[in-house]
Amino acid sequence: MHNQAKLTLVGAGPGDPELITLKGLSALRSAEVVLYDALVHPDLLQYAPEAEHIFVGKRKGCYAYQQDQINELIVSRAYSHGHVVRLKGGDPFVFGRGSEELEYASKYGIDVEVIPGISSCIAVPAVANIPVTKRGVSRSFWVITGTTREHKLCRDITLAARSSATVVVLMGMSKLPEIVQIFEKEGRSNLPVAIIQHGTLDNERIGVGTVNTILDVVEKEKLSNPAIIVLGEVVSSRSELNRVRYEAALKEFV
């Protein structure tokens, strides 16, 4: 007889498997079924060796399952197997549709729990030595999805471009030319920009420029998804840190 039907939404973190929480690992160890997304590091599945592993993510626009199918799969597996862990990249509630899955499972009387994850919107810039806030530079930050359900650019980008906040765009690489155009229209052509591909992983790649040069940087460096876009004066902190490190090393050498 299976355990009581339960759904646990687990944030897998930004990519590096060591950035999942201890509580997230504990949930994986007790899972009977793991439904995981494309951005989840495969090494994390080893913490649930006896569980059924089902890939429900998407790659290059190809969906393994539509969202309504994932919702139904959660319910059916919870009743047939017991504990279902829905393993999502980053945090389940940051553009992860976690709340939809939670509400759907709850309608069927399934126990639910959320274990937050480290979101890529903060962690990926941090690992690249870019703080999303910095005293005297940026007192707030926006986190915006690049593409809406209608596959259009989120209108909040325009509001963000008018602010002094750091702007972090997730899932926005296909809309980068439009984003650049909006910031240029607001007179922000010289604003620093960073594109970080495969953030926190060994194959991480970073391109840094300004609003009016970043498209050339992306083309030259051949940057593509999965990547995040960071726009703001805080991007300069990366080069500033490198400068400080260089000067410190130079003094030590001398």
C-alpha atoms as a PDB file:
ATOM      1  CA  MET A   1       0.000   0.000   0.000  1.00  0.00           C
ATOM      2  CA  HIS A   2       1.399   3.395  -0.957  1.00  0.00           C
ATOM      3  CA  ASN A   3       1.962   6.281   1.377  1.00  0.00           C
ATOM      4  CA  GLN A   4      -0.563   9.075   1.784  1.00  0.00           C
ATOM      5  CA  ALA A   5      -1.000  11.171  -1.360  1.00  0.00           C
ATOM      6  CA  LYS A   6       1.261  14.207  -1.116  1.00  0.00           C
ATOM      7  CA  LEU A   7       2.778  16.828  -3.399  1.00  0.00           C
ATOM      8  CA  THR A   8       5.960  18.687  -2.497  1.00  0.00           C
ATOM      9  CA  LEU A   9       7.099  21.538  -4.706  1.00  0.00           C
ATOM     10  CA  VAL A  10      10.874  21.725  -4.441  1.00  0.00           C
ATOM     11  CA  GLY A  11      13.070  24.515  -5.773  1.00  0.00           C
ATOM     12  CA  ALA A  12      16.189  22.933  -7.242  1.00  0.00           C
ATOM     13  CA  GLY A  13      18.121  26.200  -7.317  1.00  0.00           C
ATOM     14  CA  PRO A  14      19.793  28.008 -10.221  1.00  0.00           C
ATOM     15  CA  GLY A  15      21.694  25.083 -11.745  1.00  0.00           C
ATOM     16  CA  ASP A  16      24.619  24.035  -9.541  1.00  0.00           C
ATOM     17  CA  PRO A  17      23.322  20.900  -7.751  1.00  0.00           C
ATOM     18  CA  GLU A  18      25.034  21.990  -4.531  1.00  0.00           C
ATOM     19  CA  LEU A  19      22.746  25.033  -4.345  1.00  0.00           C
ATOM     20  CA  ILE A  20      19.624  23.045  -3.486  1.00  0.00           C
ATOM     21  CA  THR A  21      18.514  23.300   0.155  1.00  0.00           C
ATOM     22  CA  LEU A  22      18.952  20.537   2.736  1.00  0.00           C
ATOM     23  CA  LYS A  23      15.183  20.389   3.103  1.00  0.00           C
ATOM     24  CA  GLY A  24      14.857  19.941  -0.638  1.00  0.00           C
ATOM     25  CA  LEU A  25      17.232  16.968  -0.536  1.00  0.00           C
ATOM     26  CA  SER A  26      15.246  15.472   2.332  1.00  0.00           C
ATOM     27  CA  ALA A  27      12.079  15.671   0.247  1.00  0.00           C
ATOM     28  CA  LEU A  28      13.789  13.970  -2.680  1.00  0.00           C
ATOM     29  CA  ARG A  29      14.945  11.110  -0.467  1.00  0.00           C
ATOM     30  CA  SER A  30      11.358  10.421   0.584  1.00  0.00           C
ATOM     31  CA  ALA A  31       9.850  10.713  -2.907  1.00  0.00           C
ATOM     32  CA  GLU A  32       8.041   7.914  -4.692  1.00  0.00           C
ATOM     33  CA  VAL A  33       7.841   9.955  -7.904  1.00  0.00           C
ATOM     34  CA  VAL A  34       9.924  12.904  -9.123  1.00  0.00           C
ATOM     35  CA  LEU A  35       8.582  15.130 -11.890  1.00  0.00           C
ATOM     36  CA  TYR A  36      11.475  17.316 -13.021  1.00  0.00           C
ATOM     37  CA  ASP A  37      12.069  20.205 -15.407  1.00  0.00           C
ATOM     38  CA  ALA A  38      14.680  20.799 -18.107  1.00  0.00           C
ATOM     39  CA  LEU A  39      16.812  23.159 -16.002  1.00  0.00           C
ATOM     40  CA  VAL A  40      17.113  20.725 -13.093  1.00  0.00           C
ATOM     41  CA  HIS A  41      20.627  19.310 -12.777  1.00  0.00           C
ATOM     42  CA  PRO A  42      20.490  15.524 -13.416  1.00  0.00           C
ATOM     43  CA  ASP A  43      22.779  14.829 -10.442  1.00  0.00           C
ATOM     44  CA  LEU A  44      19.898  15.716  -8.113  1.00  0.00           C
ATOM     45  CA  LEU A  45      17.937  12.661  -9.229  1.00  0.00           C
ATOM     46  CA  GLN A  46      20.478  10.415  -7.511  1.00  0.00           C
ATOM     47  CA  TYR A  47      18.984  11.505  -4.178  1.00  0.00           C
ATOM     48  CA  ALA A  48      15.789   9.680  -5.138  1.00  0.00           C
ATOM     49  CA  PRO A  49      17.223   6.419  -6.557  1.00  0.00           C
ATOM     50  CA  GLU A  50      14.145   4.286  -5.874  1.00  0.00           C
ATOM     51  CA  ALA A  51      11.634   6.839  -7.144  1.00  0.00           C
ATOM     52  CA  GLU A  52      10.090   6.976 -10.601  1.00  0.00           C
ATOM     53  CA  HIS A  53      11.688   9.839 -12.556  1.00  0.00           C
ATOM     54  CA  ILE A  54       9.517  11.599 -15.140  1.00  0.00           C
ATOM     55  CA  PHE A  55      10.824  14.445 -17.312  1.00  0.00           C
ATOM     56  CA  VAL A  56       8.091  17.062 -17.764  1.00  0.00           C
ATOM     57  CA  GLY A  57      10.129  20.030 -18.926  1.00  0.00           C
ATOM     58  CA  LYS A  58      10.655  21.648 -22.293  1.00  0.00           C
ATOM     59  CA  ARG A  59      13.670  22.049 -24.521  1.00  0.00           C
ATOM     60  CA  LYS A  60      13.866  24.408 -27.510  1.00  0.00           C
ATOM     61  CA  GLY A  61      10.136  25.041 -27.327  1.00  0.00           C
ATOM     62  CA  CYS A  62       9.220  21.339 -27.343  1.00  0.00           C
ATOM     63  CA  TYR A  63       6.999  20.351 -24.437  1.00  0.00           C
ATOM     64  CA  ALA A  64       7.199  16.840 -22.970  1.00  0.00           C
ATOM     65  CA  TYR A  65       3.847  17.548 -21.290  1.00  0.00           C
ATOM     66  CA  GLN A  66       1.424  20.457 -21.448  1.00  0.00           C
ATOM     67  CA  GLN A  67       0.649  22.119 -18.107  1.00  0.00           C
ATOM     68  CA  ASP A  68      -2.789  20.513 -17.763  1.00  0.00           C
ATOM     69  CA  GLN A  69      -1.181  17.118 -18.359  1.00  0.00           C
ATOM     70  CA  ILE A  70       1.409  17.810 -15.656  1.00  0.00           C
ATOM     71  CA  ASN A  71      -1.377  18.756 -13.224  1.00  0.00           C
ATOM     72  CA  GLU A  72      -3.212  15.505 -13.959  1.00  0.00           C
ATOM     73  CA  LEU A  73       0.019  13.515 -13.680  1.00  0.00           C
ATOM     74  CA  ILE A  74       0.670  14.971 -10.227  1.00  0.00           C
ATOM     75  CA  VAL A  75      -2.755  13.893  -9.004  1.00  0.00           C
ATOM     76  CA  SER A  76      -2.714  10.430 -10.566  1.00  0.00           C
ATOM     77  CA  ARG A  77       0.788   9.604  -9.334  1.00  0.00           C
ATOM     78  CA  ALA A  78       0.060  10.969  -5.853  1.00  0.00           C
ATOM     79  CA  TYR A  79      -2.900   8.586  -5.555  1.00  0.00           C
ATOM     80  CA  SER A  80      -1.147   5.613  -7.152  1.00  0.00           C
ATOM     81  CA  HIS A  81       2.314   6.032  -5.588  1.00  0.00           C
ATOM     82  CA  GLY A  82       2.146   8.442  -2.618  1.00  0.00           C
ATOM     83  CA  HIS A  83       4.723  11.214  -2.352  1.00  0.00           C
ATOM     84  CA  VAL A  84       5.247  13.213  -5.553  1.00  0.00           C
ATOM     85  CA  VAL A  85       8.111  15.710  -5.659  1.00  0.00           C
ATOM     86  CA  ARG A  86       7.745  18.358  -8.322  1.00  0.00           C
ATOM     87  CA  LEU A  87      11.347  19.446  -8.834  1.00  0.00           C
ATOM     88  CA  LYS A  88      11.647  22.863 -10.461  1.00  0.00           C
ATOM     89  CA  GLY A  89      14.627  24.965 -11.445  1.00  0.00           C
ATOM     90  CA  GLY A  90      15.193  28.030  -9.271  1.00  0.00           C
ATOM     91  CA  ASP A  91      12.228  28.697  -6.984  1.00  0.00           C
ATOM     92  CA  PRO A  92       8.789  27.148  -7.658  1.00  0.00           C
ATOM     93  CA  PHE A  93       6.994  30.469  -7.245  1.00  0.00           C
ATOM     94  CA  VAL A  94       9.249  32.595  -9.484  1.00  0.00           C
ATOM     95  CA  PHE A  95       7.806  32.063 -12.984  1.00  0.00           C
ATOM     96  CA  GLY A  96       7.609  28.354 -12.238  1.00  0.00           C
ATOM     97  CA  ARG A  97       3.812  27.920 -12.317  1.00  0.00           C
ATOM     98  CA  GLY A  98       4.143  26.329  -8.909  1.00  0.00           C
ATOM     99  CA  SER A  99       1.046  27.983  -7.500  1.00  0.00           C
ATOM    100  CA  GLU A 100      -1.089  26.513 -10.297  1.00  0.00           C
ATOM    101  CA  GLU A 101       0.101  22.991  -9.519  1.00  0.00           C
ATOM    102  CA  LEU A 102      -0.362  23.525  -5.801  1.00  0.00           C
ATOM    103  CA  GLU A 103      -3.941  24.735  -6.235  1.00  0.00           C
ATOM    104  CA  TYR A 104      -4.820  21.907  -8.621  1.00  0.00           C
ATOM    105  CA  ALA A 105      -3.523  19.204  -6.270  1.00  0.00           C
ATOM    106  CA  SER A 106      -5.279  20.796  -3.304  1.00  0.00           C
ATOM    107  CA  LYS A 107      -8.617  20.559  -5.120  1.00  0.00           C
ATOM    108  CA  TYR A 108      -8.248  16.780  -5.052  1.00  0.00           C
ATOM    109  CA  GLY A 109      -7.509  16.605  -1.334  1.00  0.00           C
ATOM    110  CA  ILE A 110      -3.786  16.011  -1.755  1.00  0.00           C
ATOM    111  CA  ASP A 111      -1.491  17.257   1.013  1.00  0.00           C
ATOM    112  CA  VAL A 112       0.820  19.944  -0.309  1.00  0.00           C
ATOM    113  CA  GLU A 113       4.086  21.507   0.795  1.00  0.00           C
ATOM    114  CA  VAL A 114       6.430  24.091  -0.712  1.00  0.00           C
ATOM    115  CA  ILE A 115      10.182  24.031  -0.229  1.00  0.00           C
ATOM    116  CA  PRO A 116      11.606  27.275  -1.646  1.00  0.00           C
ATOM    117  CA  GLY A 117      14.677  27.295  -3.853  1.00  0.00           C
ATOM    118  CA  ILE A 118      17.400  29.810  -4.600  1.00  0.00           C
ATOM    119  CA  SER A 119      16.167  31.800  -7.576  1.00  0.00           C
ATOM    120  CA  SER A 120      18.436  32.365 -10.551  1.00  0.00           C
ATOM    121  CA  CYS A 121      17.385  36.025 -10.584  1.00  0.00           C
ATOM    122  CA  ILE A 122      19.592  36.627  -7.546  1.00  0.00           C
ATOM    123  CA  ALA A 123      22.018  33.709  -7.520  1.00  0.00           C
ATOM    124  CA  VAL A 124      23.228  33.833 -11.128  1.00  0.00           C
ATOM    125  CA  PRO A 125      24.287  37.501 -10.963  1.00  0.00           C
ATOM    126  CA  ALA A 126      25.792  36.907  -7.513  1.00  0.00           C
ATOM    127  CA  VAL A 127      28.018  34.063  -8.695  1.00  0.00           C
ATOM    128  CA  ALA A 128      29.120  36.359 -11.537  1.00  0.00           C
ATOM    129  CA  ASN A 129      30.027  39.014  -8.907  1.00  0.00           C
ATOM    130  CA  ILE A 130      27.055  41.225  -9.785  1.00  0.00           C
ATOM    131  CA  PRO A 131      24.915  42.299  -6.801  1.00  0.00           C
ATOM    132  CA  VAL A 132      21.301  43.083  -7.636  1.00  0.00           C
ATOM    133  CA  THR A 133      21.365  45.854  -5.018  1.00  0.00           C
ATOM    134  CA  LYS A 134      24.304  47.973  -3.897  1.00  0.00           C
ATOM    135  CA  ARG A 135      24.445  50.930  -1.564  1.00  0.00           C
ATOM    136  CA  GLY A 136      24.648  54.176  -3.493  1.00  0.00           C
ATOM    137  CA  VAL A 137      24.047  52.404  -6.807  1.00  0.00           C
ATOM    138  CA  SER A 138      20.766  50.470  -6.756  1.00  0.00           C
ATOM    139  CA  ARG A 139      18.202  50.394  -3.975  1.00  0.00           C
ATOM    140  CA  SER A 140      15.790  47.950  -5.640  1.00  0.00           C
ATOM    141  CA  PHE A 141      15.485  45.414  -8.411  1.00  0.00           C
ATOM    142  CA  TRP A 142      12.847  44.177 -10.822  1.00  0.00           C
ATOM    143  CA  VAL A 143      12.507  40.544 -11.832  1.00  0.00           C
ATOM    144  CA  ILE A 144      10.575  40.269 -15.076  1.00  0.00           C
ATOM    145  CA  THR A 145       9.672  37.434 -17.406  1.00  0.00           C
ATOM    146  CA  GLY A 146      10.780  38.191 -20.910  1.00  0.00           C
ATOM    147  CA  THR A 147       7.876  36.449 -22.586  1.00  0.00           C
ATOM    148  CA  THR A 148       4.219  36.374 -21.594  1.00  0.00           C
ATOM    149  CA  ARG A 149       1.699  33.582 -22.161  1.00  0.00           C
ATOM    150  CA  GLU A 150       0.897  35.253 -25.498  1.00  0.00           C
ATOM    151  CA  HIS A 151       4.619  35.071 -26.418  1.00  0.00           C
ATOM    152  CA  LYS A 152       4.910  38.841 -26.288  1.00  0.00           C
ATOM    153  CA  LEU A 153       7.355  40.998 -24.352  1.00  0.00           C
ATOM    154  CA  CYS A 154       6.106  41.830 -20.857  1.00  0.00           C
ATOM    155  CA  ARG A 155       4.918  45.445 -20.733  1.00  0.00           C
ATOM    156  CA  ASP A 156       6.551  45.908 -17.321  1.00  0.00           C
ATOM    157  CA  ILE A 157       9.876  46.192 -19.163  1.00  0.00           C
ATOM    158  CA  THR A 158       8.948  49.717 -20.204  1.00  0.00           C
ATOM    159  CA  LEU A 159       8.191  50.732 -16.613  1.00  0.00           C
ATOM    160  CA  ALA A 160      11.414  49.144 -15.416  1.00  0.00           C
ATOM    161  CA  ALA A 161      13.440  50.993 -18.055  1.00  0.00           C
ATOM    162  CA  ARG A 162      12.231  54.285 -16.580  1.00  0.00           C
ATOM    163  CA  SER A 163      13.413  53.381 -13.075  1.00  0.00           C
ATOM    164  CA  SER A 164      16.845  53.436 -11.445  1.00  0.00           C
ATOM    165  CA  ALA A 165      16.430  49.835 -10.314  1.00  0.00           C
ATOM    166  CA  THR A 166      18.433  46.825 -11.433  1.00  0.00           C
ATOM    167  CA  VAL A 167      16.386  44.906 -14.001  1.00  0.00           C
ATOM    168  CA  VAL A 168      16.734  41.122 -14.233  1.00  0.00           C
ATOM    169  CA  VAL A 169      14.958  39.482 -17.155  1.00  0.00           C
ATOM    170  CA  LEU A 170      14.372  35.735 -17.154  1.00  0.00           C
ATOM    171  CA  MET A 171      13.497  33.844 -20.339  1.00  0.00           C
ATOM    172  CA  GLY A 172      14.103  36.971 -22.361  1.00  0.00           C
ATOM    173  CA  MET A 173      16.869  36.201 -24.864  1.00  0.00           C
ATOM    174  CA  SER A 174      14.504  35.941 -27.821  1.00  0.00           C
ATOM    175  CA  LYS A 175      13.200  39.408 -26.929  1.00  0.00           C
ATOM    176  CA  LEU A 176      16.600  41.040 -26.377  1.00  0.00           C
ATOM    177  CA  PRO A 177      16.390  43.303 -29.486  1.00  0.00           C
ATOM    178  CA  GLU A 178      13.022  44.619 -28.261  1.00  0.00           C
ATOM    179  CA  ILE A 179      14.365  45.127 -24.742  1.00  0.00           C
ATOM    180  CA  VAL A 180      17.343  47.066 -26.114  1.00  0.00           C
ATOM    181  CA  GLN A 181      15.018  49.237 -28.178  1.00  0.00           C
ATOM    182  CA  ILE A 182      12.888  50.100 -25.139  1.00  0.00           C
ATOM    183  CA  PHE A 183      15.896  51.081 -23.016  1.00  0.00           C
ATOM    184  CA  GLU A 184      17.352  53.143 -25.860  1.00  0.00           C
ATOM    185  CA  LYS A 185      14.038  54.950 -26.244  1.00  0.00           C
ATOM    186  CA  GLU A 186      14.265  55.885 -22.540  1.00  0.00           C
ATOM    187  CA  GLY A 187      17.735  57.340 -23.033  1.00  0.00           C
ATOM    188  CA  ARG A 188      19.540  54.437 -21.370  1.00  0.00           C
ATOM    189  CA  SER A 189      21.900  53.514 -24.229  1.00  0.00           C
ATOM    190  CA  ASN A 190      24.988  53.543 -21.993  1.00  0.00           C
ATOM    191  CA  LEU A 191      23.474  51.456 -19.208  1.00  0.00           C
ATOM    192  CA  PRO A 192      25.659  48.415 -18.404  1.00  0.00           C
ATOM    193  CA  VAL A 193      24.229  45.010 -19.368  1.00  0.00           C
ATOM    194  CA  ALA A 194      25.317  41.452 -18.637  1.00  0.00           C
ATOM    195  CA  ILE A 195      24.134  38.260 -20.308  1.00  0.00           C
ATOM    196  CA  ILE A 196      24.862  35.162 -18.226  1.00  0.00           C
ATOM    197  CA  GLN A 197      24.399  31.780 -19.884  1.00  0.00           C
ATOM    198  CA  HIS A 198      24.383  28.509 -17.893  1.00  0.00           C
ATOM    199  CA  GLY A 199      24.761  30.506 -14.686  1.00  0.00           C
ATOM    200  CA  THR A 200      26.401  28.754 -11.665  1.00  0.00           C
ATOM    201  CA  LEU A 201      27.481  25.785 -13.816  1.00  0.00           C
ATOM    202  CA  ASP A 202      30.956  24.792 -15.016  1.00  0.00           C
ATOM    203  CA  ASN A 203      30.090  25.866 -18.564  1.00  0.00           C
ATOM    204  CA  GLU A 204      28.916  29.333 -17.507  1.00  0.00           C
ATOM    205  CA  ARG A 205      29.521  32.046 -20.089  1.00  0.00           C
ATOM    206  CA  ILE A 206      29.204  35.805 -19.585  1.00  0.00           C
ATOM    207  CA  GLY A 207      28.952  38.691 -21.982  1.00  0.00           C
ATOM    208  CA  VAL A 208      29.145  42.266 -20.713  1.00  0.00           C
ATOM    209  CA  GLY A 209      28.420  45.479 -22.587  1.00  0.00           C
ATOM    210  CA  THR A 210      25.972  48.349 -22.617  1.00  0.00           C
ATOM    211  CA  VAL A 211      22.466  48.668 -24.006  1.00  0.00           C
ATOM    212  CA  ASN A 212      23.824  49.936 -27.324  1.00  0.00           C
ATOM    213  CA  THR A 213      26.523  47.221 -27.642  1.00  0.00           C
ATOM    214  CA  ILE A 214      25.046  44.112 -26.038  1.00  0.00           C
ATOM    215  CA  LEU A 215      23.516  42.716 -29.242  1.00  0.00           C
ATOM    216  CA  ASP A 216      26.978  42.737 -30.843  1.00  0.00           C
ATOM    217  CA  VAL A 217      28.427  41.073 -27.738  1.00  0.00           C
ATOM    218  CA  VAL A 218      25.787  38.325 -27.868  1.00  0.00           C
ATOM    219  CA  GLU A 219      26.506  37.695 -31.549  1.00  0.00           C
ATOM    220  CA  LYS A 220      30.271  37.699 -31.068  1.00  0.00           C
ATOM    221  CA  GLU A 221      30.192  35.410 -28.031  1.00  0.00           C
ATOM    222  CA  LYS A 222      27.357  33.275 -29.472  1.00  0.00           C
ATOM    223  CA  LEU A 223      25.341  33.544 -26.266  1.00  0.00           C
ATOM    224  CA  SER A 224      21.927  31.910 -26.155  1.00  0.00           C
ATOM    225  CA  ASN A 225      19.401  30.283 -23.820  1.00  0.00           C
ATOM    226  CA  PRO A 226      19.357  29.342 -21.036  1.00  0.00           C
ATOM    227  CA  ALA A 227      20.539  32.780 -19.988  1.00  0.00           C
ATOM    228  CA  ILE A 228      19.458  35.734 -17.900  1.00  0.00           C
ATOM    229  CA  ILE A 229      19.745  39.419 -18.723  1.00  0.00           C
ATOM    230  CA  VAL A 230      20.889  41.939 -16.102  1.00  0.00           C
ATOM    231  CA  LEU A 231      20.540  45.646 -16.835  1.00  0.00           C
ATOM    232  CA  GLY A 232      21.820  48.225 -14.360  1.00  0.00           C
ATOM    233  CA  GLU A 233      24.774  50.129 -12.975  1.00  0.00           C
ATOM    234  CA  VAL A 234      25.462  47.180 -10.647  1.00  0.00           C
ATOM    235  CA  VAL A 235      26.875  45.270 -13.636  1.00  0.00           C
ATOM    236  CA  SER A 236      29.934  47.530 -13.351  1.00  0.00           C
ATOM    237  CA  SER A 237      30.639  45.939  -9.943  1.00  0.00           C
ATOM    238  CA  ARG A 238      31.985  42.890 -11.762  1.00  0.00           C
ATOM    239  CA  SER A 239      34.741  44.825 -13.537  1.00  0.00           C
ATOM    240  CA  GLU A 240      35.351  46.917 -10.428  1.00  0.00           C
ATOM    241  CA  LEU A 241      35.971  43.760  -8.382  1.00  0.00           C
ATOM    242  CA  ASN A 242      38.318  42.437 -11.057  1.00  0.00           C
ATOM    243  CA  ARG A 243      40.206  45.756 -10.957  1.00  0.00           C
ATOM    244  CA  VAL A 244      40.549  45.609  -7.160  1.00  0.00           C
ATOM    245  CA  ARG A 245      41.768  42.014  -7.336  1.00  0.00           C
ATOM    246  CA  TYR A 246      44.302  42.915 -10.017  1.00  0.00           C
ATOM    247  CA  GLU A 247      45.670  45.859  -8.003  1.00  0.00           C
ATOM    248  CA  ALA A 248      45.894  43.707  -4.863  1.00  0.00           C
ATOM    249  CA  ALA A 249      47.761  40.986  -6.754  1.00  0.00           C
ATOM    250  CA  LEU A 250      50.067  43.573  -8.288  1.00  0.00           C
ATOM    251  CA  LYS A 251      50.963  45.002  -4.877  1.00  0.00           C
ATOM    252  CA  GLU A 252      51.675  41.518  -3.578  1.00  0.00           C
ATOM    253  CA  PHE A 253      53.911  40.796  -6.560  1.00  0.00           C
ATOM    254  CA  VAL A 254      55.826  44.047  -6.123  1.00  0.00           C
END
